Amino acid sequence: MTTDNLRTVWLFGKQYWWERLADGRLTLQKAAWLSTGRNP
């Protein structure tokens, strides 16, 4: 498993990750697992 095409971006103070799929589409997910580490 590689993360070569995995990217993170900050939008409005929140971190998201996006990945380009094999067919050229983009996915955008909220990167909650990359947050400050505080438990909910």
Protein backbone atom coordinates (compact mmCIF):
# COMPACT_ATOMS: atom_id res chain seq x y z
CA MET A 1 0.00 0.00 0.00
CA THR A 2 1.41 3.34 -1.02
CA THR A 3 0.48 6.90 -0.17
CA ASP A 4 2.25 8.51 -3.10
CA ASN A 5 -1.00 10.05 -4.35
CA LEU A 6 -2.25 11.04 -0.90
CA ARG A 7 -2.32 14.75 -0.13
CA THR A 8 -3.51 16.87 2.75
CA VAL A 9 -4.89 20.39 2.59
CA TRP A 10 -6.03 22.94 5.14
CA LEU A 11 -9.39 24.59 4.46
CA PHE A 12 -10.79 27.19 6.85
CA GLY A 13 -8.73 25.88 9.75
CA LYS A 14 -9.61 22.23 9.22
CA GLN A 15 -7.45 19.58 7.65
CA TYR A 16 -8.66 17.40 4.81
CA TRP A 17 -7.03 14.78 2.67
CA TRP A 18 -7.65 14.24 -0.99
CA GLU A 19 -6.68 11.41 -3.25
CA ARG A 20 -6.73 11.14 -7.02
CA LEU A 21 -8.40 7.92 -8.10
CA ALA A 22 -7.21 5.75 -10.98
CA ASP A 23 -9.99 7.10 -13.21
CA GLY A 24 -8.96 10.70 -12.56
CA ARG A 25 -11.62 11.62 -10.02
CA LEU A 26 -10.74 13.29 -6.73
CA THR A 27 -11.95 12.32 -3.29
CA LEU A 28 -11.96 14.73 -0.36
CA GLN A 29 -12.31 13.51 3.21
CA LYS A 30 -12.12 15.32 6.51
CA ALA A 31 -8.84 14.31 8.12
CA ALA A 32 -10.16 13.83 11.64
CA TRP A 33 -7.45 11.25 12.29
CA LEU A 34 -4.84 13.93 11.58
CA SER A 35 -6.24 16.39 14.11
CA THR A 36 -4.52 17.69 17.22
CA GLY A 37 -4.84 14.33 18.97
CA ARG A 38 -7.53 15.34 21.42
CA ASN A 39 -10.05 12.62 22.15
CA PRO A 40 -13.72 13.49 21.61
